[in-house]
């Protein structure tokens, strides 16, 4: 499984390199290390937490920089299509509008965000009709995160990848592994060296699969 955390620099970056852990960037992009599985987020969640509307202009500026970085180094492992946090079907419509306009000519590995209120059938139709989508990005509430196995299965059935977003606890890291996620992102390694150590151990530890 590919793991991605936040913007880490300095000495701790050497630990990330050793364990092949990438970083997720929003607007403060810097060059990735050699073969880093870096991510390009859209910033919608950050705006939502601040009670703000999605900052379209900021995103477009960051997108322009991400394109330049990908041309000099290498493209992001994952790029999240703009979405509306907690927006349900409106979020899907919003994402499609971006795919058909500003993102249509940018050959990134675009991931479609799914969250509370999304219709699975509409998601499946979208994945079939938009080949530029390379995977599903699991957002949503803690309750919605429990549906990870379903979305993972759907993505894999169509030959796409599944990313578990905001795995903010060891329990969620374990759920991502049980769901056979191809990748996850987590802020856990950012807080303390102890949490970074626990996070790395959790990644390498085999998932405790439930028996039925």
Foldseek 3Di string as FASTA:
>chain_A
DAEEEADDDDPVVVVCVVLLHAYEDEQPDDAGDAPRQYEYEPCQVVCVVVVHHRDPVSSVNSVVVQLVNCVVHNHHNEYEQQAHAVPAVVRVVNSVVCCVPVVVPPQHQYEYEDEPNYDPVVVLVVCVVRVSHQYYEYDYDPVSLLCLLVRQVSQVVVVHAYEYEALADLVSLLSCLLSVHPYYYYHQVVPDVVSVVVVSVSVPDHRPHDDD
